[in-house]
């Protein structure tokens, strides 16, 4: 069973695994020194890289553009909605919803080219 788990890169737990994990621990639960050391030293929070912050900010801005596009779409202001969806797509090209929303606006406008005509 363990070999299959290794081949599939999946951890498979069996009732025997729980006992083996408890017996294999290096730190004894009765050792007060090791408990106090682990409790007194909080784990340092990982610092978020500048690139990750920038990516998060861009995704937030893109979401705001999408919401503005949705509001314009509801008002039937299609040109403004297309502009907002395009800006959102430029900010975050990983989220396909901006592209599909823009396509929906073009469909609503009737600016869809059939395959036979293109």
PDB file of N, CA and C in Angstrom:
ATOM      1  N   UNK A   1       0.838  -1.182   0.000  1.00  0.00           N
ATOM      2  CA  UNK A   1       0.000   0.000   0.000  1.00  0.00           C
ATOM      3  C   UNK A   1       0.881   1.243   0.000  1.00  0.00           C
ATOM      4  N   UNK A   2       1.950   1.205   0.778  1.00  0.00           N
ATOM      5  CA  UNK A   2       2.867   2.339   0.848  1.00  0.00           C
ATOM      6  C   UNK A   2       3.536   2.586  -0.506  1.00  0.00           C
ATOM      7  N   UNK A   3       3.913   1.504  -1.190  1.00  0.00           N
ATOM      8  CA  UNK A   3       4.569   1.634  -2.495  1.00  0.00           C
ATOM      9  C   UNK A   3       3.637   2.295  -3.509  1.00  0.00           C
ATOM     10  N   UNK A   4       2.365   1.939  -3.497  1.00  0.00           N
ATOM     11  CA  UNK A   4       1.391   2.549  -4.409  1.00  0.00           C
ATOM     12  C   UNK A   4       1.268   4.035  -4.098  1.00  0.00           C
ATOM     13  N   UNK A   5       1.235   4.368  -2.827  1.00  0.00           N
ATOM     14  CA  UNK A   5       1.161   5.770  -2.429  1.00  0.00           C
ATOM     15  C   UNK A   5       2.367   6.563  -2.903  1.00  0.00           C
ATOM     16  N   UNK A   6       3.547   5.983  -2.823  1.00  0.00           N
ATOM     17  CA  UNK A   6       4.756   6.657  -3.282  1.00  0.00           C
ATOM     18  C   UNK A   6       4.712   6.841  -4.792  1.00  0.00           C
ATOM     19  N   UNK A   7       4.294   5.821  -5.511  1.00  0.00           N
ATOM     20  CA  UNK A   7       4.221   5.920  -6.971  1.00  0.00           C
ATOM     21  C   UNK A   7       3.216   6.967  -7.427  1.00  0.00           C
ATOM     22  N   UNK A   8       2.112   7.076  -6.727  1.00  0.00           N
ATOM     23  CA  UNK A   8       1.077   8.040  -7.096  1.00  0.00           C
ATOM     24  C   UNK A   8       1.281   9.395  -6.441  1.00  0.00           C
ATOM     25  N   UNK A   9       2.317   9.514  -5.624  1.00  0.00           N
ATOM     26  CA  UNK A   9       2.605  10.743  -4.889  1.00  0.00           C
ATOM     27  C   UNK A   9       1.420  11.144  -4.013  1.00  0.00           C
ATOM     28  N   UNK A  10       0.852  10.159  -3.322  1.00  0.00           N
ATOM     29  CA  UNK A  10      -0.292  10.362  -2.445  1.00  0.00           C
ATOM     30  C   UNK A  10       0.015   9.710  -1.108  1.00  0.00           C
ATOM     31  N   UNK A  11      -0.301  10.415  -0.024  1.00  0.00           N
ATOM     32  CA  UNK A  11      -0.097   9.824   1.301  1.00  0.00           C
ATOM     33  C   UNK A  11      -1.342   9.011   1.648  1.00  0.00           C
ATOM     34  N   UNK A  12      -1.164   7.740   1.801  1.00  0.00           N
ATOM     35  CA  UNK A  12      -2.252   6.838   2.143  1.00  0.00           C
ATOM     36  C   UNK A  12      -2.112   6.476   3.606  1.00  0.00           C
ATOM     37  N   UNK A  13      -3.138   6.783   4.384  1.00  0.00           N
ATOM     38  CA  UNK A  13      -3.099   6.470   5.809  1.00  0.00           C
ATOM     39  C   UNK A  13      -3.871   5.188   6.062  1.00  0.00           C
ATOM     40  N   UNK A  14      -3.267   4.367   6.869  1.00  0.00           N
ATOM     41  CA  UNK A  14      -3.918   3.149   7.325  1.00  0.00           C
ATOM     42  C   UNK A  14      -3.969   3.220   8.839  1.00  0.00           C
ATOM     43  N   UNK A  15      -4.760   2.387   9.488  1.00  0.00           N
ATOM     44  CA  UNK A  15      -4.822   2.426  10.953  1.00  0.00           C
ATOM     45  C   UNK A  15      -3.453   2.237  11.596  1.00  0.00           C
ATOM     46  N   UNK A  16      -2.557   1.509  10.973  1.00  0.00           N
ATOM     47  CA  UNK A  16      -1.225   1.287  11.537  1.00  0.00           C
ATOM     48  C   UNK A  16      -0.353   2.525  11.429  1.00  0.00           C
ATOM     49  N   UNK A  17      -0.622   3.408  10.467  1.00  0.00           N
ATOM     50  CA  UNK A  17       0.177   4.622  10.287  1.00  0.00           C
ATOM     51  C   UNK A  17       0.094   5.536  11.501  1.00  0.00           C
ATOM     52  N   UNK A  18      -1.065   5.627  12.134  1.00  0.00           N
ATOM     53  CA  UNK A  18      -1.223   6.498  13.292  1.00  0.00           C
ATOM     54  C   UNK A  18      -0.299   6.072  14.426  1.00  0.00           C
ATOM     55  N   UNK A  19      -0.195   4.780  14.671  1.00  0.00           N
ATOM     56  CA  UNK A  19       0.676   4.277  15.725  1.00  0.00           C
ATOM     57  C   UNK A  19       2.145   4.470  15.368  1.00  0.00           C
ATOM     58  N   UNK A  20       2.491   4.292  14.114  1.00  0.00           N
ATOM     59  CA  UNK A  20       3.882   4.433  13.689  1.00  0.00           C
ATOM     60  C   UNK A  20       4.322   5.880  13.794  1.00  0.00           C
ATOM     61  N   UNK A  21       3.452   6.827  13.451  1.00  0.00           N
ATOM     62  CA  UNK A  21       3.797   8.238  13.546  1.00  0.00           C
ATOM     63  C   UNK A  21       4.022   8.648  14.993  1.00  0.00           C
ATOM     64  N   UNK A  22       3.185   8.181  15.884  1.00  0.00           N
ATOM     65  CA  UNK A  22       3.315   8.542  17.292  1.00  0.00           C
ATOM     66  C   UNK A  22       4.589   7.942  17.879  1.00  0.00           C
ATOM     67  N   UNK A  23       4.945   6.732  17.505  1.00  0.00           N
ATOM     68  CA  UNK A  23       6.128   6.074  18.036  1.00  0.00           C
ATOM     69  C   UNK A  23       7.398   6.642  17.414  1.00  0.00           C
ATOM     70  N   UNK A  24       7.316   7.188  16.222  1.00  0.00           N
ATOM     71  CA  UNK A  24       8.500   7.668  15.517  1.00  0.00           C
ATOM     72  C   UNK A  24       8.869   9.094  15.837  1.00  0.00           C
ATOM     73  N   UNK A  25       8.111   9.799  16.643  1.00  0.00           N
ATOM     74  CA  UNK A  25       8.424  11.188  16.975  1.00  0.00           C
ATOM     75  C   UNK A  25       9.688  11.240  17.817  1.00  0.00           C
ATOM     76  N   UNK A  26      10.557  12.222  17.519  1.00  0.00           N
ATOM     77  CA  UNK A  26      11.794  12.385  18.267  1.00  0.00           C
ATOM     78  C   UNK A  26      11.561  13.087  19.595  1.00  0.00           C
ATOM     79  N   UNK A  27      10.535  13.917  19.683  1.00  0.00           N
ATOM     80  CA  UNK A  27      10.277  14.695  20.881  1.00  0.00           C
ATOM     81  C   UNK A  27       9.273  13.949  21.741  1.00  0.00           C
ATOM     82  N   UNK A  28       9.621  13.759  22.972  1.00  0.00           N
ATOM     83  CA  UNK A  28       8.727  13.089  23.899  1.00  0.00           C
ATOM     84  C   UNK A  28       7.722  14.090  24.434  1.00  0.00           C
ATOM     85  N   UNK A  29       6.483  13.667  24.591  1.00  0.00           N
ATOM     86  CA  UNK A  29       5.454  14.558  25.108  1.00  0.00           C
ATOM     87  C   UNK A  29       5.659  14.846  26.595  1.00  0.00           C
ATOM     88  N   UNK A  30       6.389  13.987  27.293  1.00  0.00           N
ATOM     89  CA  UNK A  30       6.614  14.168  28.722  1.00  0.00           C
ATOM     90  C   UNK A  30       7.794  15.095  29.004  1.00  0.00           C
ATOM     91  N   UNK A  31       8.545  15.482  28.008  1.00  0.00           N
ATOM     92  CA  UNK A  31       9.723  16.312  28.191  1.00  0.00           C
ATOM     93  C   UNK A  31       9.312  17.779  28.266  1.00  0.00           C
ATOM     94  N   UNK A  32       9.323  18.408  29.466  1.00  0.00           N
ATOM     95  CA  UNK A  32       8.863  19.791  29.592  1.00  0.00           C
ATOM     96  C   UNK A  32       9.776  20.799  28.898  1.00  0.00           C
ATOM     97  N   UNK A  33      11.064  20.479  28.758  1.00  0.00           N
ATOM     98  CA  UNK A  33      11.990  21.412  28.120  1.00  0.00           C
ATOM     99  C   UNK A  33      11.638  21.583  26.650  1.00  0.00           C
ATOM    100  N   UNK A  34      11.406  20.488  25.961  1.00  0.00           N
ATOM    101  CA  UNK A  34      11.104  20.582  24.536  1.00  0.00           C
ATOM    102  C   UNK A  34       9.751  21.233  24.298  1.00  0.00           C
ATOM    103  N   UNK A  35       8.794  21.021  25.201  1.00  0.00           N
ATOM    104  CA  UNK A  35       7.487  21.654  25.055  1.00  0.00           C
ATOM    105  C   UNK A  35       7.594  23.159  25.236  1.00  0.00           C
ATOM    106  N   UNK A  36       8.335  23.609  26.230  1.00  0.00           N
ATOM    107  CA  UNK A  36       8.435  25.047  26.476  1.00  0.00           C
ATOM    108  C   UNK A  36       9.197  25.739  25.348  1.00  0.00           C
ATOM    109  N   UNK A  37      10.203  25.081  24.783  1.00  0.00           N
ATOM    110  CA  UNK A  37      10.943  25.667  23.671  1.00  0.00           C
ATOM    111  C   UNK A  37      10.057  25.832  22.445  1.00  0.00           C
ATOM    112  N   UNK A  38       9.248  24.831  22.159  1.00  0.00           N
ATOM    113  CA  UNK A  38       8.406  24.909  20.972  1.00  0.00           C
ATOM    114  C   UNK A  38       7.268  25.911  21.166  1.00  0.00           C
ATOM    115  N   UNK A  39       6.820  26.088  22.404  1.00  0.00           N
ATOM    116  CA  UNK A  39       5.740  27.032  22.658  1.00  0.00           C
ATOM    117  C   UNK A  39       6.242  28.460  22.722  1.00  0.00           C
ATOM    118  N   UNK A  40       7.473  28.679  23.210  1.00  0.00           N
ATOM    119  CA  UNK A  40       7.974  30.034  23.389  1.00  0.00           C
ATOM    120  C   UNK A  40       8.489  30.648  22.094  1.00  0.00           C
ATOM    121  N   UNK A  41       8.860  29.851  21.129  1.00  0.00           N
ATOM    122  CA  UNK A  41       9.380  30.364  19.875  1.00  0.00           C
ATOM    123  C   UNK A  41       8.287  30.344  18.810  1.00  0.00           C
ATOM    124  N   UNK A  42       7.641  31.485  18.581  1.00  0.00           N
ATOM    125  CA  UNK A  42       6.629  31.504  17.529  1.00  0.00           C
ATOM    126  C   UNK A  42       7.306  31.393  16.165  1.00  0.00           C
ATOM    127  N   UNK A  43       6.622  30.771  15.250  1.00  0.00           N
ATOM    128  CA  UNK A  43       7.175  30.620  13.912  1.00  0.00           C
ATOM    129  C   UNK A  43       7.185  31.972  13.225  1.00  0.00           C
ATOM    130  N   UNK A  44       8.284  32.320  12.597  1.00  0.00           N
ATOM    131  CA  UNK A  44       8.324  33.612  11.904  1.00  0.00           C
ATOM    132  C   UNK A  44       7.375  33.587  10.705  1.00  0.00           C
ATOM    133  N   UNK A  45       6.685  34.718  10.528  1.00  0.00           N
ATOM    134  CA  UNK A  45       5.767  34.806   9.404  1.00  0.00           C
ATOM    135  C   UNK A  45       6.572  34.995   8.130  1.00  0.00           C
ATOM    136  N   UNK A  46       6.239  34.255   7.101  1.00  0.00           N
ATOM    137  CA  UNK A  46       6.998  34.410   5.861  1.00  0.00           C
ATOM    138  C   UNK A  46       6.730  35.789   5.260  1.00  0.00           C
ATOM    139  N   UNK A  47       7.805  36.429   4.848  1.00  0.00           N
ATOM    140  CA  UNK A  47       7.663  37.740   4.246  1.00  0.00           C
ATOM    141  C   UNK A  47       7.188  37.581   2.806  1.00  0.00           C
ATOM    142  N   UNK A  48       6.211  38.383   2.470  1.00  0.00           N
ATOM    143  CA  UNK A  48       5.664  38.317   1.122  1.00  0.00           C
ATOM    144  C   UNK A  48       6.576  39.126   0.212  1.00  0.00           C
ATOM    145  N   UNK A  49       6.986  38.502  -0.864  1.00  0.00           N
ATOM    146  CA  UNK A  49       7.875  39.161  -1.801  1.00  0.00           C
ATOM    147  C   UNK A  49       7.174  40.347  -2.452  1.00  0.00           C
ATOM    148  N   UNK A  50       7.969  41.283  -2.871  1.00  0.00           N
ATOM    149  CA  UNK A  50       7.437  42.489  -3.508  1.00  0.00           C
ATOM    150  C   UNK A  50       6.636  42.139  -4.763  1.00  0.00           C
ATOM    151  N   UNK A  51       7.092  41.128  -5.495  1.00  0.00           N
ATOM    152  CA  UNK A  51       6.390  40.709  -6.715  1.00  0.00           C
ATOM    153  C   UNK A  51       4.995  40.169  -6.380  1.00  0.00           C
ATOM    154  N   UNK A  52       4.906  39.420  -5.281  1.00  0.00           N
ATOM    155  CA  UNK A  52       3.612  38.860  -4.885  1.00  0.00           C
ATOM    156  C   UNK A  52       2.654  39.967  -4.475  1.00  0.00           C
ATOM    157  N   UNK A  53       3.170  40.979  -3.781  1.00  0.00           N
ATOM    158  CA  UNK A  53       2.317  42.110  -3.400  1.00  0.00           C
ATOM    159  C   UNK A  53       1.807  42.831  -4.630  1.00  0.00           C
ATOM    160  N   UNK A  54       2.694  43.044  -5.582  1.00  0.00           N
ATOM    161  CA  UNK A  54       2.310  43.731  -6.813  1.00  0.00           C
ATOM    162  C   UNK A  54       1.278  42.916  -7.584  1.00  0.00           C
ATOM    163  N   UNK A  55       1.472  41.609  -7.650  1.00  0.00           N
ATOM    164  CA  UNK A  55       0.518  40.751  -8.357  1.00  0.00           C
ATOM    165  C   UNK A  55      -0.842  40.781  -7.667  1.00  0.00           C
ATOM    166  N   UNK A  56      -0.834  40.774  -6.340  1.00  0.00           N
ATOM    167  CA  UNK A  56      -2.089  40.828  -5.587  1.00  0.00           C
ATOM    168  C   UNK A  56      -2.812  42.160  -5.831  1.00  0.00           C
ATOM    169  N   UNK A  57      -2.039  43.251  -5.858  1.00  0.00           N
ATOM    170  CA  UNK A  57      -2.618  44.560  -6.113  1.00  0.00           C
ATOM    171  C   UNK A  57      -3.218  44.633  -7.518  1.00  0.00           C
ATOM    172  N   UNK A  58      -2.494  44.068  -8.485  1.00  0.00           N
ATOM    173  CA  UNK A  58      -2.994  44.075  -9.865  1.00  0.00           C
ATOM    174  C   UNK A  58      -4.282  43.265  -9.987  1.00  0.00           C
ATOM    175  N   UNK A  59      -4.337  42.146  -9.280  1.00  0.00           N
ATOM    176  CA  UNK A  59      -5.563  41.339  -9.313  1.00  0.00           C
ATOM    177  C   UNK A  59      -6.732  42.100  -8.686  1.00  0.00           C
ATOM    178  N   UNK A  60      -6.459  42.829  -7.612  1.00  0.00           N
ATOM    179  CA  UNK A  60      -7.497  43.639  -6.975  1.00  0.00           C
ATOM    180  C   UNK A  60      -7.990  44.747  -7.895  1.00  0.00           C
ATOM    181  N   UNK A  61      -7.058  45.410  -8.576  1.00  0.00           N
ATOM    182  CA  UNK A  61      -7.434  46.457  -9.523  1.00  0.00           C
ATOM    183  C   UNK A  61      -8.234  45.872 -10.681  1.00  0.00           C
ATOM    184  N   UNK A  62      -7.825  44.702 -11.145  1.00  0.00           N
ATOM    185  CA  UNK A  62      -8.537  44.056 -12.241  1.00  0.00           C
ATOM    186  C   UNK A  62      -9.961  43.691 -11.825  1.00  0.00           C
ATOM    187  N   UNK A  63     -10.115  43.255 -10.594  1.00  0.00           N
ATOM    188  CA  UNK A  63     -11.449  42.909 -10.095  1.00  0.00           C
ATOM    189  C   UNK A  63     -12.335  44.151 -10.035  1.00  0.00           C
ATOM    190  N   UNK A  64     -11.755  45.285  -9.633  1.00  0.00           N
ATOM    191  CA  UNK A  64     -12.524  46.537  -9.601  1.00  0.00           C
ATOM    192  C   UNK A  64     -12.935  46.953 -11.002  1.00  0.00           C
ATOM    193  N   UNK A  65     -12.048  46.766 -11.975  1.00  0.00           N
ATOM    194  CA  UNK A  65     -12.381  47.079 -13.371  1.00  0.00           C
ATOM    195  C   UNK A  65     -13.512  46.175 -13.863  1.00  0.00           C
ATOM    196  N   UNK A  66     -13.459  44.916 -13.463  1.00  0.00           N
ATOM    197  CA  UNK A  66     -14.511  43.978 -13.857  1.00  0.00           C
ATOM    198  C   UNK A  66     -15.851  44.417 -13.278  1.00  0.00           C
ATOM    199  N   UNK A  67     -15.852  44.813 -12.020  1.00  0.00           N
ATOM    200  CA  UNK A  67     -17.098  45.262 -11.389  1.00  0.00           C
ATOM    201  C   UNK A  67     -17.638  46.511 -12.068  1.00  0.00           C
ATOM    202  N   UNK A  68     -16.733  47.422 -12.457  1.00  0.00           N
ATOM    203  CA  UNK A  68     -17.165  48.623 -13.180  1.00  0.00           C
ATOM    204  C   UNK A  68     -17.723  48.231 -14.550  1.00  0.00           C
ATOM    205  N   UNK A  69     -17.110  47.258 -15.183  1.00  0.00           N
ATOM    206  CA  UNK A  69     -17.615  46.763 -16.464  1.00  0.00           C
ATOM    207  C   UNK A  69     -18.976  46.109 -16.315  1.00  0.00           C
ATOM    208  N   UNK A  70     -19.156  45.363 -15.242  1.00  0.00           N
ATOM    209  CA  UNK A  70     -20.458  44.739 -14.988  1.00  0.00           C
ATOM    210  C   UNK A  70     -21.539  45.795 -14.795  1.00  0.00           C
ATOM    211  N   UNK A  71     -21.204  46.868 -14.066  1.00  0.00           N
ATOM    212  CA  UNK A  71     -22.174  47.945 -13.839  1.00  0.00           C
ATOM    213  C   UNK A  71     -22.525  48.627 -15.160  1.00  0.00           C
ATOM    214  N   UNK A  72     -21.524  48.862 -16.008  1.00  0.00           N
ATOM    215  CA  UNK A  72     -21.781  49.490 -17.310  1.00  0.00           C
ATOM    216  C   UNK A  72     -22.608  48.566 -18.199  1.00  0.00           C
ATOM    217  N   UNK A  73     -22.344  47.283 -18.135  1.00  0.00           N
ATOM    218  CA  UNK A  73     -23.091  46.312 -18.934  1.00  0.00           C
ATOM    219  C   UNK A  73     -24.564  46.311 -18.541  1.00  0.00           C
ATOM    220  N   UNK A  74     -24.833  46.387 -17.248  1.00  0.00           N
ATOM    221  CA  UNK A  74     -26.218  46.398 -16.775  1.00  0.00           C
ATOM    222  C   UNK A  74     -26.947  47.645 -17.242  1.00  0.00           C
ATOM    223  N   UNK A  75     -26.201  48.749 -17.430  1.00  0.00           N
ATOM    224  CA  UNK A  75     -26.801  49.999 -17.906  1.00  0.00           C
ATOM    225  C   UNK A  75     -26.865  50.059 -19.432  1.00  0.00           C
ATOM    226  N   UNK A  76     -26.422  48.973 -20.088  1.00  0.00           N
ATOM    227  CA  UNK A  76     -26.373  48.868 -21.548  1.00  0.00           C
ATOM    228  C   UNK A  76     -25.379  49.846 -22.162  1.00  0.00           C
ATOM    229  N   UNK A  77     -24.365  50.260 -21.384  1.00  0.00           N
ATOM    230  CA  UNK A  77     -23.286  51.102 -21.890  1.00  0.00           C
ATOM    231  C   UNK A  77     -22.159  50.162 -22.309  1.00  0.00           C
ATOM    232  N   UNK A  78     -22.318  49.589 -23.487  1.00  0.00           N
ATOM    233  CA  UNK A  78     -21.444  48.511 -23.922  1.00  0.00           C
ATOM    234  C   UNK A  78     -20.007  48.952 -24.199  1.00  0.00           C
ATOM    235  N   UNK A  79     -19.824  50.118 -24.779  1.00  0.00           N
ATOM    236  CA  UNK A  79     -18.462  50.588 -25.077  1.00  0.00           C
ATOM    237  C   UNK A  79     -17.654  50.778 -23.793  1.00  0.00           C
ATOM    238  N   UNK A  80     -18.276  51.336 -22.771  1.00  0.00           N
ATOM    239  CA  UNK A  80     -17.600  51.519 -21.486  1.00  0.00           C
ATOM    240  C   UNK A  80     -17.291  50.165 -20.851  1.00  0.00           C
ATOM    241  N   UNK A  81     -18.232  49.233 -20.951  1.00  0.00           N
ATOM    242  CA  UNK A  81     -18.020  47.896 -20.383  1.00  0.00           C
ATOM    243  C   UNK A  81     -16.847  47.203 -21.063  1.00  0.00           C
ATOM    244  N   UNK A  82     -16.763  47.330 -22.384  1.00  0.00           N
ATOM    245  CA  UNK A  82     -15.644  46.721 -23.121  1.00  0.00           C
ATOM    246  C   UNK A  82     -14.327  47.329 -22.647  1.00  0.00           C
ATOM    247  N   UNK A  83     -14.301  48.639 -22.445  1.00  0.00           N
ATOM    248  CA  UNK A  83     -13.086  49.297 -21.965  1.00  0.00           C
ATOM    249  C   UNK A  83     -12.659  48.788 -20.603  1.00  0.00           C
ATOM    250  N   UNK A  84     -13.617  48.616 -19.695  1.00  0.00           N
ATOM    251  CA  UNK A  84     -13.285  48.124 -18.353  1.00  0.00           C
ATOM    252  C   UNK A  84     -12.800  46.676 -18.402  1.00  0.00           C
ATOM    253  N   UNK A  85     -13.459  45.837 -19.189  1.00  0.00           N
ATOM    254  CA  UNK A  85     -13.040  44.440 -19.283  1.00  0.00           C
ATOM    255  C   UNK A  85     -11.660  44.316 -19.932  1.00  0.00           C
ATOM    256  N   UNK A  86     -11.390  45.165 -20.923  1.00  0.00           N
ATOM    257  CA  UNK A  86     -10.084  45.145 -21.574  1.00  0.00           C
ATOM    258  C   UNK A  86      -8.991  45.566 -20.590  1.00  0.00           C
ATOM    259  N   UNK A  87      -9.258  46.607 -19.808  1.00  0.00           N
ATOM    260  CA  UNK A  87      -8.294  47.061 -18.806  1.00  0.00           C
ATOM    261  C   UNK A  87      -8.057  45.967 -17.757  1.00  0.00           C
ATOM    262  N   UNK A  88      -9.131  45.302 -17.337  1.00  0.00           N
ATOM    263  CA  UNK A  88      -8.998  44.209 -16.357  1.00  0.00           C
ATOM    264  C   UNK A  88      -8.147  43.086 -16.929  1.00  0.00           C
ATOM    265  N   UNK A  89      -8.330  42.782 -18.200  1.00  0.00           N
ATOM    266  CA  UNK A  89      -7.564  41.721 -18.850  1.00  0.00           C
ATOM    267  C   UNK A  89      -6.087  42.101 -18.956  1.00  0.00           C
ATOM    268  N   UNK A  90      -5.807  43.383 -19.168  1.00  0.00           N
ATOM    269  CA  UNK A  90      -4.416  43.842 -19.208  1.00  0.00           C
ATOM    270  C   UNK A  90      -3.762  43.733 -17.836  1.00  0.00           C
ATOM    271  N   UNK A  91      -4.528  43.985 -16.785  1.00  0.00           N
ATOM    272  CA  UNK A  91      -3.983  43.916 -15.424  1.00  0.00           C
ATOM    273  C   UNK A  91      -3.764  42.484 -14.961  1.00  0.00           C
ATOM    274  N   UNK A  92      -4.685  41.602 -15.321  1.00  0.00           N
ATOM    275  CA  UNK A  92      -4.616  40.205 -14.863  1.00  0.00           C
ATOM    276  C   UNK A  92      -5.038  39.304 -16.013  1.00  0.00           C
ATOM    277  N   UNK A  93      -4.062  38.786 -16.730  1.00  0.00           N
ATOM    278  CA  UNK A  93      -4.378  37.961 -17.894  1.00  0.00           C
ATOM    279  C   UNK A  93      -4.589  36.490 -17.546  1.00  0.00           C
ATOM    280  N   UNK A  94      -4.557  36.158 -16.255  1.00  0.00           N
ATOM    281  CA  UNK A  94      -4.772  34.769 -15.838  1.00  0.00           C
ATOM    282  C   UNK A  94      -6.244  34.439 -15.633  1.00  0.00           C
ATOM    283  N   UNK A  95      -7.069  35.457 -15.405  1.00  0.00           N
ATOM    284  CA  UNK A  95      -8.498  35.228 -15.144  1.00  0.00           C
ATOM    285  C   UNK A  95      -9.263  35.355 -16.456  1.00  0.00           C
ATOM    286  N   UNK A  96      -9.810  34.264 -16.909  1.00  0.00           N
ATOM    287  CA  UNK A  96     -10.479  34.230 -18.204  1.00  0.00           C
ATOM    288  C   UNK A  96     -11.856  34.897 -18.172  1.00  0.00           C
ATOM    289  N   UNK A  97     -12.374  35.184 -16.990  1.00  0.00           N
ATOM    290  CA  UNK A  97     -13.710  35.769 -16.910  1.00  0.00           C
ATOM    291  C   UNK A  97     -13.761  37.153 -17.553  1.00  0.00           C
ATOM    292  N   UNK A  98     -12.642  37.885 -17.548  1.00  0.00           N
ATOM    293  CA  UNK A  98     -12.632  39.205 -18.177  1.00  0.00           C
ATOM    294  C   UNK A  98     -12.823  39.064 -19.690  1.00  0.00           C
ATOM    295  N   UNK A  99     -12.186  38.061 -20.248  1.00  0.00           N
ATOM    296  CA  UNK A  99     -12.307  37.818 -21.681  1.00  0.00           C
ATOM    297  C   UNK A  99     -13.709  37.347 -22.049  1.00  0.00           C
ATOM    298  N   UNK A 100     -14.267  36.454 -21.251  1.00  0.00           N
ATOM    299  CA  UNK A 100     -15.612  35.955 -21.552  1.00  0.00           C
ATOM    300  C   UNK A 100     -16.664  37.041 -21.349  1.00  0.00           C
ATOM    301  N   UNK A 101     -16.459  37.910 -20.369  1.00  0.00           N
ATOM    302  CA  UNK A 101     -17.398  39.017 -20.177  1.00  0.00           C
ATOM    303  C   UNK A 101     -17.341  39.971 -21.367  1.00  0.00           C
ATOM    304  N   UNK A 102     -16.142  40.235 -21.861  1.00  0.00           N
ATOM    305  CA  UNK A 102     -16.010  41.111 -23.025  1.00  0.00           C
ATOM    306  C   UNK A 102     -16.657  40.473 -24.243  1.00  0.00           C
ATOM    307  N   UNK A 103     -16.499  39.166 -24.384  1.00  0.00           N
ATOM    308  CA  UNK A 103     -17.142  38.466 -25.491  1.00  0.00           C
ATOM    309  C   UNK A 103     -18.660  38.538 -25.381  1.00  0.00           C
ATOM    310  N   UNK A 104     -19.179  38.473 -24.165  1.00  0.00           N
ATOM    311  CA  UNK A 104     -20.632  38.578 -23.961  1.00  0.00           C
ATOM    312  C   UNK A 104     -21.146  39.953 -24.373  1.00  0.00           C
ATOM    313  N   UNK A 105     -20.346  40.984 -24.127  1.00  0.00           N
ATOM    314  CA  UNK A 105     -20.743  42.335 -24.540  1.00  0.00           C
ATOM    315  C   UNK A 105     -20.801  42.408 -26.061  1.00  0.00           C
ATOM    316  N   UNK A 106     -19.776  41.883 -26.720  1.00  0.00           N
ATOM    317  CA  UNK A 106     -19.788  41.885 -28.182  1.00  0.00           C
ATOM    318  C   UNK A 106     -20.980  41.100 -28.726  1.00  0.00           C
ATOM    319  N   UNK A 107     -21.306  40.005 -28.071  1.00  0.00           N
ATOM    320  CA  UNK A 107     -22.455  39.203 -28.491  1.00  0.00           C
ATOM    321  C   UNK A 107     -23.743  40.001 -28.323  1.00  0.00           C
ATOM    322  N   UNK A 108     -23.872  40.692 -27.212  1.00  0.00           N
ATOM    323  CA  UNK A 108     -25.054  41.514 -26.948  1.00  0.00           C
ATOM    324  C   UNK A 108     -25.174  42.641 -27.970  1.00  0.00           C
ATOM    325  N   UNK A 109     -24.045  43.177 -28.404  1.00  0.00           N
ATOM    326  CA  UNK A 109     -24.029  44.264 -29.387  1.00  0.00           C
ATOM    327  C   UNK A 109     -24.317  43.755 -30.795  1.00  0.00           C
ATOM    328  N   UNK A 110     -24.204  42.467 -30.991  1.00  0.00           N
ATOM    329  CA  UNK A 110     -24.404  41.894 -32.318  1.00  0.00           C
ATOM    330  C   UNK A 110     -23.158  41.955 -33.174  1.00  0.00           C
ATOM    331  N   UNK A 111     -22.022  42.178 -32.566  1.00  0.00           N
ATOM    332  CA  UNK A 111     -20.762  42.260 -33.293  1.00  0.00           C
ATOM    333  C   UNK A 111     -20.043  40.921 -33.268  1.00  0.00           C
ATOM    334  N   UNK A 112     -20.760  39.887 -33.633  1.00  0.00           N
ATOM    335  CA  UNK A 112     -20.183  38.556 -33.684  1.00  0.00           C
ATOM    336  C   UNK A 112     -20.161  38.124 -35.131  1.00  0.00           C
ATOM    337  N   UNK A 113     -19.013  37.705 -35.578  1.00  0.00           N
ATOM    338  CA  UNK A 113     -18.846  37.288 -36.967  1.00  0.00           C
ATOM    339  C   UNK A 113     -19.073  35.786 -37.043  1.00  0.00           C
ATOM    340  N   UNK A 114     -19.945  35.392 -37.960  1.00  0.00           N
ATOM    341  CA  UNK A 114     -20.155  33.954 -38.106  1.00  0.00           C
ATOM    342  C   UNK A 114     -18.973  33.367 -38.845  1.00  0.00           C
ATOM    343  N   UNK A 115     -18.758  32.099 -38.697  1.00  0.00           N
ATOM    344  CA  UNK A 115     -17.595  31.427 -39.284  1.00  0.00           C
ATOM    345  C   UNK A 115     -17.661  31.488 -40.813  1.00  0.00           C
ATOM    346  N   UNK A 116     -18.826  31.409 -41.383  1.00  0.00           N
ATOM    347  CA  UNK A 116     -18.952  31.405 -42.845  1.00  0.00           C
ATOM    348  C   UNK A 116     -18.569  32.760 -43.445  1.00  0.00           C
ATOM    349  N   UNK A 117     -18.767  33.851 -42.710  1.00  0.00           N
ATOM    350  CA  UNK A 117     -18.487  35.168 -43.251  1.00  0.00           C
ATOM    351  C   UNK A 117     -17.052  35.614 -43.031  1.00  0.00           C
ATOM    352  N   UNK A 118     -16.369  35.038 -42.085  1.00  0.00           N
ATOM    353  CA  UNK A 118     -15.003  35.500 -41.764  1.00  0.00           C
ATOM    354  C   UNK A 118     -13.970  34.863 -42.623  1.00  0.00           C
TER     355      UNK A 118
END
